[in-house]
Amino acid sequence: MCVVGISSSPYHRPVDMNRIGASIVLANSVIFGTVSAARRHYELAVEALAGQTRPG
């Protein structure tokens, strides 16, 4: 699944994230997406991710 944007629709649809997550894991699927942001937002994200540690 490729996530490329967020709808501006005012309508809300109920989503069972547990079911979607289980389906993705059990099907060995991948989700990727794009981000439209300024360079400074990208740099802030890189800094935030660099400070994270892996569990275990």
Protein backbone atom coordinates (compact mmCIF):
# COMPACT_ATOMS: atom_id res chain seq x y z
CA MET A 1 0.00 0.00 0.00
CA CYS A 2 1.31 3.44 -0.85
CA VAL A 3 0.06 6.35 1.23
CA VAL A 4 0.35 9.54 -0.80
CA GLY A 5 -1.92 12.02 0.92
CA ILE A 6 -4.59 12.79 3.43
CA SER A 7 -8.13 13.47 2.33
CA SER A 8 -9.63 16.84 3.13
CA SER A 9 -13.07 15.25 3.16
CA PRO A 10 -15.18 16.22 6.20
CA TYR A 11 -16.54 12.67 6.40
CA HIS A 12 -15.12 10.20 8.92
CA ARG A 13 -15.06 6.49 8.26
CA PRO A 14 -14.55 3.98 11.07
CA VAL A 15 -11.40 1.93 10.57
CA ASP A 16 -10.38 -1.17 12.51
CA MET A 17 -6.61 -0.59 12.74
CA ASN A 18 -6.08 -3.91 14.55
CA ARG A 19 -7.59 -5.77 11.61
CA ILE A 20 -5.58 -3.77 9.08
CA GLY A 21 -2.34 -4.26 11.05
CA ALA A 22 -2.90 -8.01 11.39
CA SER A 23 -3.70 -8.30 7.70
CA ILE A 24 -0.51 -6.45 6.74
CA VAL A 25 1.65 -8.58 9.03
CA LEU A 26 0.08 -11.90 8.08
CA ALA A 27 0.31 -11.12 4.36
CA ASN A 28 3.93 -9.95 4.78
CA SER A 29 2.97 -6.64 3.18
CA VAL A 30 4.58 -3.23 3.28
CA ILE A 31 3.25 0.32 3.60
CA PHE A 32 5.20 3.27 2.29
CA GLY A 33 4.33 6.84 1.55
CA THR A 34 5.46 10.29 0.59
CA VAL A 35 5.65 13.53 2.50
CA SER A 36 5.28 17.00 1.10
CA ALA A 37 7.28 19.14 3.49
CA ALA A 38 9.88 21.84 3.57
CA ARG A 39 13.53 20.82 3.94
CA ARG A 40 13.54 22.01 7.56
CA HIS A 41 10.74 19.54 8.37
CA TYR A 42 12.77 16.71 6.82
CA GLU A 43 15.82 17.74 8.84
CA LEU A 44 13.76 17.84 12.06
CA ALA A 45 12.47 14.33 11.31
CA VAL A 46 16.01 13.04 10.71
CA GLU A 47 17.13 14.49 14.05
CA ALA A 48 14.15 13.00 15.88
CA LEU A 49 14.68 9.55 14.36
CA ALA A 50 18.42 9.64 14.98
CA GLY A 51 17.73 10.04 18.71
CA GLN A 52 15.64 6.87 18.88
CA THR A 53 16.92 3.54 20.12
CA ARG A 54 15.86 0.06 19.07
CA PRO A 55 13.98 -1.97 21.67
CA GLY A 56 15.51 -5.10 23.13
